[in-house]
Full PDB file with SEQRES, HELIX, SHEET, SSBOND, CRYST1, ORIGX, SCALE, CONECT and MASTER records, all heavy atoms in Angstrom:
SEQRES   1 A   39  GLY ALA THR LEU GLY PHE LEU VAL PRO PRO GLY THR ALA          
SEQRES   2 A   39  ALA GLY TRP ASP LEU PRO GLY SER ALA CYS THR ARG THR          
SEQRES   3 A   39  TRP GLY ARG ALA THR ARG LEU PRO ALA ALA PRO PRO ALA          
HELIX    1 AA1 THR A   12  GLY A   15  5                                   4    
CRYST1    1.000    1.000    1.000  90.00  90.00  90.00 P 1           1          
ORIGX1      1.000000  0.000000  0.000000        0.00000                         
ORIGX2      0.000000  1.000000  0.000000        0.00000                         
ORIGX3      0.000000  0.000000  1.000000        0.00000                         
SCALE1      1.000000  0.000000  0.000000        0.00000                         
SCALE2      0.000000  1.000000  0.000000        0.00000                         
SCALE3      0.000000  0.000000  1.000000        0.00000                         
ATOM      1  N   GLY A   1     -38.842 -35.150 -53.446  1.00  0.00           N  
ATOM      2  CA  GLY A   1     -38.540 -36.495 -53.009  1.00  0.00           C  
ATOM      3  C   GLY A   1     -37.110 -36.910 -53.310  1.00  0.00           C  
ATOM      4  O   GLY A   1     -36.732 -38.049 -53.188  1.00  0.00           O  
ATOM      5  N   ALA A   2     -36.242 -35.949 -53.697  1.00  0.00           N  
ATOM      6  CA  ALA A   2     -34.878 -36.293 -54.088  1.00  0.00           C  
ATOM      7  C   ALA A   2     -33.889 -36.328 -52.920  1.00  0.00           C  
ATOM      8  O   ALA A   2     -32.942 -37.049 -52.971  1.00  0.00           O  
ATOM      9  CB  ALA A   2     -34.366 -35.261 -55.114  1.00  0.00           C  
ATOM     10  N   THR A   3     -34.115 -35.542 -51.869  1.00  0.00           N  
ATOM     11  CA  THR A   3     -33.144 -35.470 -50.769  1.00  0.00           C  
ATOM     12  C   THR A   3     -33.820 -35.423 -49.392  1.00  0.00           C  
ATOM     13  O   THR A   3     -34.934 -34.993 -49.223  1.00  0.00           O  
ATOM     14  CB  THR A   3     -32.246 -34.197 -50.879  1.00  0.00           C  
ATOM     15  OG1 THR A   3     -33.041 -33.035 -50.803  1.00  0.00           O  
ATOM     16  CG2 THR A   3     -31.460 -34.202 -52.191  1.00  0.00           C  
ATOM     17  N   LEU A   4     -33.014 -35.818 -48.439  1.00  0.00           N  
ATOM     18  CA  LEU A   4     -33.351 -35.642 -47.001  1.00  0.00           C  
ATOM     19  C   LEU A   4     -32.259 -34.747 -46.423  1.00  0.00           C  
ATOM     20  O   LEU A   4     -31.088 -34.801 -46.844  1.00  0.00           O  
ATOM     21  CB  LEU A   4     -33.379 -36.955 -46.253  1.00  0.00           C  
ATOM     22  CG  LEU A   4     -34.471 -37.946 -46.577  1.00  0.00           C  
ATOM     23  CD1 LEU A   4     -34.402 -39.155 -45.604  1.00  0.00           C  
ATOM     24  CD2 LEU A   4     -35.842 -37.306 -46.419  1.00  0.00           C  
ATOM     25  N   GLY A   5     -32.585 -34.002 -45.402  1.00  0.00           N  
ATOM     26  CA  GLY A   5     -31.653 -33.095 -44.736  1.00  0.00           C  
ATOM     27  C   GLY A   5     -31.673 -33.401 -43.237  1.00  0.00           C  
ATOM     28  O   GLY A   5     -32.706 -33.333 -42.574  1.00  0.00           O  
ATOM     29  N   PHE A   6     -30.505 -33.740 -42.715  1.00  0.00           N  
ATOM     30  CA  PHE A   6     -30.295 -33.992 -41.296  1.00  0.00           C  
ATOM     31  C   PHE A   6     -29.729 -32.756 -40.625  1.00  0.00           C  
ATOM     32  O   PHE A   6     -28.677 -32.222 -41.080  1.00  0.00           O  
ATOM     33  CB  PHE A   6     -29.336 -35.164 -41.053  1.00  0.00           C  
ATOM     34  CG  PHE A   6     -29.846 -36.455 -41.533  1.00  0.00           C  
ATOM     35  CD1 PHE A   6     -29.826 -36.864 -42.867  1.00  0.00           C  
ATOM     36  CD2 PHE A   6     -30.432 -37.378 -40.639  1.00  0.00           C  
ATOM     37  CE1 PHE A   6     -30.251 -38.094 -43.279  1.00  0.00           C  
ATOM     38  CE2 PHE A   6     -30.920 -38.615 -41.076  1.00  0.00           C  
ATOM     39  CZ  PHE A   6     -30.841 -38.943 -42.414  1.00  0.00           C  
ATOM     40  N   LEU A   7     -30.297 -32.250 -39.542  1.00  0.00           N  
ATOM     41  CA  LEU A   7     -29.739 -31.172 -38.783  1.00  0.00           C  
ATOM     42  C   LEU A   7     -28.645 -31.760 -37.897  1.00  0.00           C  
ATOM     43  O   LEU A   7     -28.822 -32.729 -37.197  1.00  0.00           O  
ATOM     44  CB  LEU A   7     -30.820 -30.497 -37.928  1.00  0.00           C  
ATOM     45  CG  LEU A   7     -31.678 -29.490 -38.702  1.00  0.00           C  
ATOM     46  CD1 LEU A   7     -32.554 -30.169 -39.731  1.00  0.00           C  
ATOM     47  CD2 LEU A   7     -32.568 -28.727 -37.720  1.00  0.00           C  
ATOM     48  N   VAL A   8     -27.479 -31.092 -37.991  1.00  0.00           N  
ATOM     49  CA  VAL A   8     -26.290 -31.574 -37.262  1.00  0.00           C  
ATOM     50  C   VAL A   8     -25.683 -30.366 -36.484  1.00  0.00           C  
ATOM     51  O   VAL A   8     -26.026 -29.227 -36.810  1.00  0.00           O  
ATOM     52  CB  VAL A   8     -25.238 -32.204 -38.176  1.00  0.00           C  
ATOM     53  CG1 VAL A   8     -25.734 -33.504 -38.788  1.00  0.00           C  
ATOM     54  CG2 VAL A   8     -24.764 -31.248 -39.251  1.00  0.00           C  
ATOM     55  N   PRO A   9     -24.823 -30.579 -35.516  1.00  0.00           N  
ATOM     56  CA  PRO A   9     -24.271 -29.454 -34.795  1.00  0.00           C  
ATOM     57  C   PRO A   9     -23.522 -28.451 -35.652  1.00  0.00           C  
ATOM     58  O   PRO A   9     -22.942 -28.815 -36.673  1.00  0.00           O  
ATOM     59  CB  PRO A   9     -23.276 -30.114 -33.799  1.00  0.00           C  
ATOM     60  CG  PRO A   9     -23.733 -31.486 -33.683  1.00  0.00           C  
ATOM     61  CD  PRO A   9     -24.330 -31.904 -35.026  1.00  0.00           C  
ATOM     62  N   PRO A  10     -23.544 -27.142 -35.256  1.00  0.00           N  
ATOM     63  CA  PRO A  10     -22.807 -26.207 -36.033  1.00  0.00           C  
ATOM     64  C   PRO A  10     -21.324 -26.541 -36.093  1.00  0.00           C  
ATOM     65  O   PRO A  10     -20.803 -27.051 -35.066  1.00  0.00           O  
ATOM     66  CB  PRO A  10     -23.072 -24.856 -35.310  1.00  0.00           C  
ATOM     67  CG  PRO A  10     -23.489 -25.250 -33.905  1.00  0.00           C  
ATOM     68  CD  PRO A  10     -24.151 -26.617 -34.073  1.00  0.00           C  
ATOM     69  N   GLY A  11     -20.709 -26.251 -37.181  1.00  0.00           N  
ATOM     70  CA  GLY A  11     -19.250 -26.584 -37.326  1.00  0.00           C  
ATOM     71  C   GLY A  11     -19.037 -27.913 -37.972  1.00  0.00           C  
ATOM     72  O   GLY A  11     -17.918 -28.245 -38.407  1.00  0.00           O  
ATOM     73  N   THR A  12     -20.022 -28.740 -38.100  1.00  0.00           N  
ATOM     74  CA  THR A  12     -19.883 -30.071 -38.715  1.00  0.00           C  
ATOM     75  C   THR A  12     -19.436 -29.903 -40.218  1.00  0.00           C  
ATOM     76  O   THR A  12     -18.629 -30.736 -40.662  1.00  0.00           O  
ATOM     77  CB  THR A  12     -21.191 -30.834 -38.695  1.00  0.00           C  
ATOM     78  OG1 THR A  12     -21.612 -31.045 -37.322  1.00  0.00           O  
ATOM     79  CG2 THR A  12     -21.132 -32.195 -39.403  1.00  0.00           C  
ATOM     80  N   ALA A  13     -19.899 -28.900 -40.887  1.00  0.00           N  
ATOM     81  CA  ALA A  13     -19.574 -28.689 -42.293  1.00  0.00           C  
ATOM     82  C   ALA A  13     -18.085 -28.591 -42.549  1.00  0.00           C  
ATOM     83  O   ALA A  13     -17.576 -29.043 -43.562  1.00  0.00           O  
ATOM     84  CB  ALA A  13     -20.295 -27.500 -42.843  1.00  0.00           C  
ATOM     85  N   ALA A  14     -17.394 -28.053 -41.547  1.00  0.00           N  
ATOM     86  CA  ALA A  14     -15.920 -27.789 -41.747  1.00  0.00           C  
ATOM     87  C   ALA A  14     -15.172 -29.119 -41.928  1.00  0.00           C  
ATOM     88  O   ALA A  14     -14.167 -29.149 -42.625  1.00  0.00           O  
ATOM     89  CB  ALA A  14     -15.376 -27.085 -40.488  1.00  0.00           C  
ATOM     90  N   GLY A  15     -15.648 -30.223 -41.351  1.00  0.00           N  
ATOM     91  CA  GLY A  15     -14.959 -31.501 -41.472  1.00  0.00           C  
ATOM     92  C   GLY A  15     -15.710 -32.558 -42.211  1.00  0.00           C  
ATOM     93  O   GLY A  15     -15.333 -33.715 -42.219  1.00  0.00           O  
ATOM     94  N   TRP A  16     -16.826 -32.169 -42.868  1.00  0.00           N  
ATOM     95  CA  TRP A  16     -17.699 -33.184 -43.521  1.00  0.00           C  
ATOM     96  C   TRP A  16     -17.182 -33.458 -44.920  1.00  0.00           C  
ATOM     97  O   TRP A  16     -17.040 -32.516 -45.728  1.00  0.00           O  
ATOM     98  CB  TRP A  16     -19.095 -32.680 -43.568  1.00  0.00           C  
ATOM     99  CG  TRP A  16     -20.085 -33.766 -43.987  1.00  0.00           C  
ATOM    100  CD1 TRP A  16     -20.544 -34.006 -45.239  1.00  0.00           C  
ATOM    101  CD2 TRP A  16     -20.689 -34.770 -43.134  1.00  0.00           C  
ATOM    102  NE1 TRP A  16     -21.381 -35.108 -45.237  1.00  0.00           N  
ATOM    103  CE2 TRP A  16     -21.456 -35.562 -43.954  1.00  0.00           C  
ATOM    104  CE3 TRP A  16     -20.603 -35.011 -41.772  1.00  0.00           C  
ATOM    105  CZ2 TRP A  16     -22.207 -36.650 -43.439  1.00  0.00           C  
ATOM    106  CZ3 TRP A  16     -21.297 -36.046 -41.305  1.00  0.00           C  
ATOM    107  CH2 TRP A  16     -22.129 -36.853 -42.082  1.00  0.00           C  
ATOM    108  N   ASP A  17     -16.852 -34.742 -45.214  1.00  0.00           N  
ATOM    109  CA  ASP A  17     -16.310 -35.035 -46.532  1.00  0.00           C  
ATOM    110  C   ASP A  17     -16.832 -36.402 -47.037  1.00  0.00           C  
ATOM    111  O   ASP A  17     -16.120 -37.101 -47.726  1.00  0.00           O  
ATOM    112  CB  ASP A  17     -14.787 -35.028 -46.478  1.00  0.00           C  
ATOM    113  CG  ASP A  17     -14.201 -36.110 -45.528  1.00  0.00           C  
ATOM    114  OD1 ASP A  17     -15.011 -36.761 -44.819  1.00  0.00           O  
ATOM    115  OD2 ASP A  17     -12.989 -36.319 -45.529  1.00  0.00           O  
ATOM    116  N   LEU A  18     -18.056 -36.733 -46.662  1.00  0.00           N  
ATOM    117  CA  LEU A  18     -18.582 -38.029 -47.086  1.00  0.00           C  
ATOM    118  C   LEU A  18     -19.121 -37.924 -48.493  1.00  0.00           C  
ATOM    119  O   LEU A  18     -19.998 -37.148 -48.790  1.00  0.00           O  
ATOM    120  CB  LEU A  18     -19.716 -38.388 -46.125  1.00  0.00           C  
ATOM    121  CG  LEU A  18     -20.282 -39.791 -46.283  1.00  0.00           C  
ATOM    122  CD1 LEU A  18     -19.223 -40.829 -45.909  1.00  0.00           C  
ATOM    123  CD2 LEU A  18     -21.469 -40.020 -45.385  1.00  0.00           C  
ATOM    124  N   PRO A  19     -18.563 -38.736 -49.435  1.00  0.00           N  
ATOM    125  CA  PRO A  19     -19.017 -38.680 -50.799  1.00  0.00           C  
ATOM    126  C   PRO A  19     -20.492 -38.979 -50.895  1.00  0.00           C  
ATOM    127  O   PRO A  19     -21.035 -39.844 -50.173  1.00  0.00           O  
ATOM    128  CB  PRO A  19     -18.217 -39.825 -51.487  1.00  0.00           C  
ATOM    129  CG  PRO A  19     -16.966 -39.913 -50.630  1.00  0.00           C  
ATOM    130  CD  PRO A  19     -17.442 -39.641 -49.223  1.00  0.00           C  
ATOM    131  N   GLY A  20     -21.172 -38.312 -51.828  1.00  0.00           N  
ATOM    132  CA  GLY A  20     -22.599 -38.469 -52.028  1.00  0.00           C  
ATOM    133  C   GLY A  20     -23.519 -37.661 -51.117  1.00  0.00           C  
ATOM    134  O   GLY A  20     -24.679 -37.792 -51.199  1.00  0.00           O  
ATOM    135  N   SER A  21     -22.848 -36.821 -50.251  1.00  0.00           N  
ATOM    136  CA  SER A  21     -23.619 -35.978 -49.370  1.00  0.00           C  
ATOM    137  C   SER A  21     -22.993 -34.598 -49.371  1.00  0.00           C  
ATOM    138  O   SER A  21     -21.896 -34.400 -49.892  1.00  0.00           O  
ATOM    139  CB  SER A  21     -23.620 -36.544 -47.930  1.00  0.00           C  
ATOM    140  OG  SER A  21     -22.326 -36.481 -47.391  1.00  0.00           O  
ATOM    141  N   ALA A  22     -23.714 -33.663 -48.801  1.00  0.00           N  
ATOM    142  CA  ALA A  22     -23.225 -32.280 -48.718  1.00  0.00           C  
ATOM    143  C   ALA A  22     -23.596 -31.776 -47.329  1.00  0.00           C  
ATOM    144  O   ALA A  22     -24.636 -32.175 -46.782  1.00  0.00           O  
ATOM    145  CB  ALA A  22     -23.820 -31.368 -49.771  1.00  0.00           C  
ATOM    146  N   CYS A  23     -22.766 -30.901 -46.777  1.00  0.00           N  
ATOM    147  CA  CYS A  23     -23.083 -30.300 -45.470  1.00  0.00           C  
ATOM    148  C   CYS A  23     -22.979 -28.781 -45.623  1.00  0.00           C  
ATOM    149  O   CYS A  23     -21.947 -28.227 -46.038  1.00  0.00           O  
ATOM    150  CB  CYS A  23     -22.143 -30.793 -44.391  1.00  0.00           C  
ATOM    151  SG  CYS A  23     -22.675 -30.269 -42.745  1.00  0.00           S  
ATOM    152  N   THR A  24     -24.089 -28.104 -45.363  1.00  0.00           N  
ATOM    153  CA  THR A  24     -24.198 -26.646 -45.486  1.00  0.00           C  
ATOM    154  C   THR A  24     -23.939 -25.963 -44.118  1.00  0.00           C  
ATOM    155  O   THR A  24     -24.555 -26.378 -43.162  1.00  0.00           O  
ATOM    156  CB  THR A  24     -25.559 -26.294 -46.016  1.00  0.00           C  
ATOM    157  OG1 THR A  24     -25.817 -26.988 -47.222  1.00  0.00           O  
ATOM    158  CG2 THR A  24     -25.724 -24.770 -46.268  1.00  0.00           C  
ATOM    159  N   ARG A  25     -23.090 -24.981 -44.125  1.00  0.00           N  
ATOM    160  CA  ARG A  25     -22.795 -24.222 -42.890  1.00  0.00           C  
ATOM    161  C   ARG A  25     -23.920 -23.245 -42.597  1.00  0.00           C  
ATOM    162  O   ARG A  25     -24.446 -22.655 -43.471  1.00  0.00           O  
ATOM    163  CB  ARG A  25     -21.511 -23.387 -43.074  1.00  0.00           C  
ATOM    164  CG  ARG A  25     -20.284 -24.205 -43.314  1.00  0.00           C  
ATOM    165  CD  ARG A  25     -19.126 -23.282 -43.623  1.00  0.00           C  
ATOM    166  NE  ARG A  25     -18.074 -23.927 -44.352  1.00  0.00           N  
ATOM    167  CZ  ARG A  25     -16.976 -24.331 -43.853  1.00  0.00           C  
ATOM    168  NH1 ARG A  25     -16.701 -24.068 -42.566  1.00  0.00           N  
ATOM    169  NH2 ARG A  25     -16.113 -24.970 -44.582  1.00  0.00           N  
ATOM    170  N   THR A  26     -24.084 -23.033 -41.280  1.00  0.00           N  
ATOM    171  CA  THR A  26     -24.994 -21.982 -40.894  1.00  0.00           C  
ATOM    172  C   THR A  26     -24.182 -20.913 -40.114  1.00  0.00           C  
ATOM    173  O   THR A  26     -24.756 -19.952 -39.644  1.00  0.00           O  
ATOM    174  CB  THR A  26     -26.108 -22.514 -39.953  1.00  0.00           C  
ATOM    175  OG1 THR A  26     -25.501 -23.016 -38.753  1.00  0.00           O  
ATOM    176  CG2 THR A  26     -26.938 -23.548 -40.617  1.00  0.00           C  
ATOM    177  N   TRP A  27     -22.912 -21.136 -39.974  1.00  0.00           N  
ATOM    178  CA  TRP A  27     -22.006 -20.203 -39.235  1.00  0.00           C  
ATOM    179  C   TRP A  27     -22.472 -20.087 -37.758  1.00  0.00           C  
ATOM    180  O   TRP A  27     -22.240 -19.076 -37.140  1.00  0.00           O  
ATOM    181  CB  TRP A  27     -21.917 -18.897 -39.942  1.00  0.00           C  
ATOM    182  CG  TRP A  27     -21.471 -19.039 -41.312  1.00  0.00           C  
ATOM    183  CD1 TRP A  27     -22.218 -18.870 -42.434  1.00  0.00           C  
ATOM    184  CD2 TRP A  27     -20.180 -19.392 -41.802  1.00  0.00           C  
ATOM    185  NE1 TRP A  27     -21.470 -19.117 -43.551  1.00  0.00           N  
ATOM    186  CE2 TRP A  27     -20.200 -19.435 -43.173  1.00  0.00           C  
ATOM    187  CE3 TRP A  27     -18.970 -19.702 -41.138  1.00  0.00           C  
ATOM    188  CZ2 TRP A  27     -19.108 -19.766 -43.936  1.00  0.00           C  
ATOM    189  CZ3 TRP A  27     -17.848 -20.019 -41.890  1.00  0.00           C  
ATOM    190  CH2 TRP A  27     -17.955 -20.067 -43.305  1.00  0.00           C  
ATOM    191  N   GLY A  28     -23.130 -21.140 -37.240  1.00  0.00           N  
ATOM    192  CA  GLY A  28     -23.455 -21.159 -35.848  1.00  0.00           C  
ATOM    193  C   GLY A  28     -24.618 -20.315 -35.444  1.00  0.00           C  
ATOM    194  O   GLY A  28     -24.967 -20.158 -34.300  1.00  0.00           O  
ATOM    195  N   ARG A  29     -25.349 -19.728 -36.423  1.00  0.00           N  
ATOM    196  CA  ARG A  29     -26.480 -18.897 -36.121  1.00  0.00           C  
ATOM    197  C   ARG A  29     -27.619 -19.779 -35.646  1.00  0.00           C  
ATOM    198  O   ARG A  29     -27.808 -20.840 -36.165  1.00  0.00           O  
ATOM    199  CB  ARG A  29     -26.948 -18.075 -37.335  1.00  0.00           C  
ATOM    200  CG  ARG A  29     -25.898 -17.092 -37.811  1.00  0.00           C  
ATOM    201  CD  ARG A  29     -26.486 -16.335 -38.962  1.00  0.00           C  
ATOM    202  NE  ARG A  29     -26.724 -17.290 -40.081  1.00  0.00           N  
ATOM    203  CZ  ARG A  29     -26.263 -17.152 -41.268  1.00  0.00           C  
ATOM    204  NH1 ARG A  29     -25.523 -16.131 -41.597  1.00  0.00           N  
ATOM    205  NH2 ARG A  29     -26.519 -18.061 -42.172  1.00  0.00           N  
ATOM    206  N   ALA A  30     -28.391 -19.259 -34.698  1.00  0.00           N  
ATOM    207  CA  ALA A  30     -29.557 -20.029 -34.216  1.00  0.00           C  
ATOM    208  C   ALA A  30     -30.623 -19.949 -35.288  1.00  0.00           C  
ATOM    209  O   ALA A  30     -30.893 -18.904 -35.844  1.00  0.00           O  
ATOM    210  CB  ALA A  30     -30.066 -19.460 -32.893  1.00  0.00           C  
ATOM    211  N   THR A  31     -31.251 -21.079 -35.551  1.00  0.00           N  
ATOM    212  CA  THR A  31     -32.343 -21.187 -36.489  1.00  0.00           C  
ATOM    213  C   THR A  31     -33.568 -21.579 -35.678  1.00  0.00           C  
ATOM    214  O   THR A  31     -33.432 -22.442 -34.803  1.00  0.00           O  
ATOM    215  CB  THR A  31     -32.041 -22.206 -37.558  1.00  0.00           C  
ATOM    216  OG1 THR A  31     -30.854 -21.871 -38.221  1.00  0.00           O  
ATOM    217  CG2 THR A  31     -33.156 -22.362 -38.535  1.00  0.00           C  
ATOM    218  N   ARG A  32     -34.712 -20.999 -35.978  1.00  0.00           N  
ATOM    219  CA  ARG A  32     -35.909 -21.421 -35.282  1.00  0.00           C  
ATOM    220  C   ARG A  32     -36.649 -22.367 -36.190  1.00  0.00           C  
ATOM    221  O   ARG A  32     -36.993 -22.068 -37.336  1.00  0.00           O  
ATOM    222  CB  ARG A  32     -36.745 -20.198 -34.966  1.00  0.00           C  
ATOM    223  CG  ARG A  32     -36.093 -19.368 -33.894  1.00  0.00           C  
ATOM    224  CD  ARG A  32     -37.107 -18.459 -33.247  1.00  0.00           C  
ATOM    225  NE  ARG A  32     -36.676 -17.926 -31.995  1.00  0.00           N  
ATOM    226  CZ  ARG A  32     -36.827 -18.546 -30.815  1.00  0.00           C  
ATOM    227  NH1 ARG A  32     -37.388 -19.702 -30.739  1.00  0.00           N  
ATOM    228  NH2 ARG A  32     -36.429 -18.006 -29.667  1.00  0.00           N  
ATOM    229  N   LEU A  33     -36.928 -23.543 -35.664  1.00  0.00           N  
ATOM    230  CA  LEU A  33     -37.566 -24.613 -36.399  1.00  0.00           C  
ATOM    231  C   LEU A  33     -39.040 -24.653 -36.053  1.00  0.00           C  
ATOM    232  O   LEU A  33     -39.383 -25.008 -34.929  1.00  0.00           O  
ATOM    233  CB  LEU A  33     -36.893 -25.957 -36.097  1.00  0.00           C  
ATOM    234  CG  LEU A  33     -35.420 -26.029 -36.372  1.00  0.00           C  
ATOM    235  CD1 LEU A  33     -34.922 -27.391 -35.895  1.00  0.00           C  
ATOM    236  CD2 LEU A  33     -35.141 -25.825 -37.803  1.00  0.00           C  
ATOM    237  N   PRO A  34     -39.863 -24.338 -36.971  1.00  0.00           N  
ATOM    238  CA  PRO A  34     -41.315 -24.349 -36.713  1.00  0.00           C  
ATOM    239  C   PRO A  34     -41.834 -25.797 -36.832  1.00  0.00           C  
ATOM    240  O   PRO A  34     -41.212 -26.635 -37.441  1.00  0.00           O  
ATOM    241  CB  PRO A  34     -41.882 -23.486 -37.804  1.00  0.00           C  
ATOM    242  CG  PRO A  34     -40.916 -23.651 -38.908  1.00  0.00           C  
ATOM    243  CD  PRO A  34     -39.562 -23.803 -38.268  1.00  0.00           C  
ATOM    244  N   ALA A  35     -42.956 -26.034 -36.173  1.00  0.00           N  
ATOM    245  CA  ALA A  35     -43.623 -27.344 -36.298  1.00  0.00           C  
ATOM    246  C   ALA A  35     -44.006 -27.547 -37.761  1.00  0.00           C  
ATOM    247  O   ALA A  35     -43.926 -28.722 -38.230  1.00  0.00           O  
ATOM    248  CB  ALA A  35     -44.805 -27.427 -35.403  1.00  0.00           C  
ATOM    249  N   ALA A  36     -44.402 -26.537 -38.460  1.00  0.00           N  
ATOM    250  CA  ALA A  36     -44.642 -26.640 -39.902  1.00  0.00           C  
ATOM    251  C   ALA A  36     -43.317 -26.585 -40.615  1.00  0.00           C  
ATOM    252  O   ALA A  36     -42.370 -26.024 -40.092  1.00  0.00           O  
ATOM    253  CB  ALA A  36     -45.602 -25.489 -40.352  1.00  0.00           C  
ATOM    254  N   PRO A  37     -43.217 -27.069 -41.817  1.00  0.00           N  
ATOM    255  CA  PRO A  37     -41.981 -27.029 -42.561  1.00  0.00           C  
ATOM    256  C   PRO A  37     -41.448 -25.600 -42.730  1.00  0.00           C  
ATOM    257  O   PRO A  37     -42.235 -24.687 -42.902  1.00  0.00           O  
ATOM    258  CB  PRO A  37     -42.310 -27.622 -43.937  1.00  0.00           C  
ATOM    259  CG  PRO A  37     -43.497 -28.530 -43.623  1.00  0.00           C  
ATOM    260  CD  PRO A  37     -44.261 -27.769 -42.597  1.00  0.00           C  
ATOM    261  N   PRO A  38     -40.112 -25.427 -42.634  1.00  0.00           N  
ATOM    262  CA  PRO A  38     -39.570 -24.075 -42.653  1.00  0.00           C  
ATOM    263  C   PRO A  38     -39.521 -23.400 -43.999  1.00  0.00           C  
ATOM    264  O   PRO A  38     -39.277 -22.196 -44.087  1.00  0.00           O  
ATOM    265  CB  PRO A  38     -38.147 -24.303 -42.117  1.00  0.00           C  
ATOM    266  CG  PRO A  38     -37.813 -25.653 -42.472  1.00  0.00           C  
ATOM    267  CD  PRO A  38     -39.148 -26.426 -42.434  1.00  0.00           C  
ATOM    268  N   ALA A  39     -39.722 -24.100 -45.108  1.00  0.00           N  
ATOM    269  CA  ALA A  39     -39.675 -23.532 -46.384  1.00  0.00           C  
ATOM    270  C   ALA A  39     -40.722 -24.172 -47.341  1.00  0.00           C  
ATOM    271  O   ALA A  39     -41.013 -25.354 -47.170  1.00  0.00           O  
ATOM    272  CB  ALA A  39     -38.298 -23.648 -47.018  1.00  0.00           C  
TER     273      ALA A  39                                                      
MASTER        0    0    0    1    0    0    0    6  272    1    0    3          
END                                                                             
């Protein structure tokens, strides 16, 4: 219950600098999002 994660377009991490948040790169790879939680 500590964090939420928003999926954003690839490349967003390169310019993301909002204090209190983090943006993780996927290097543009396609991820398959299942209806059930992915992890």
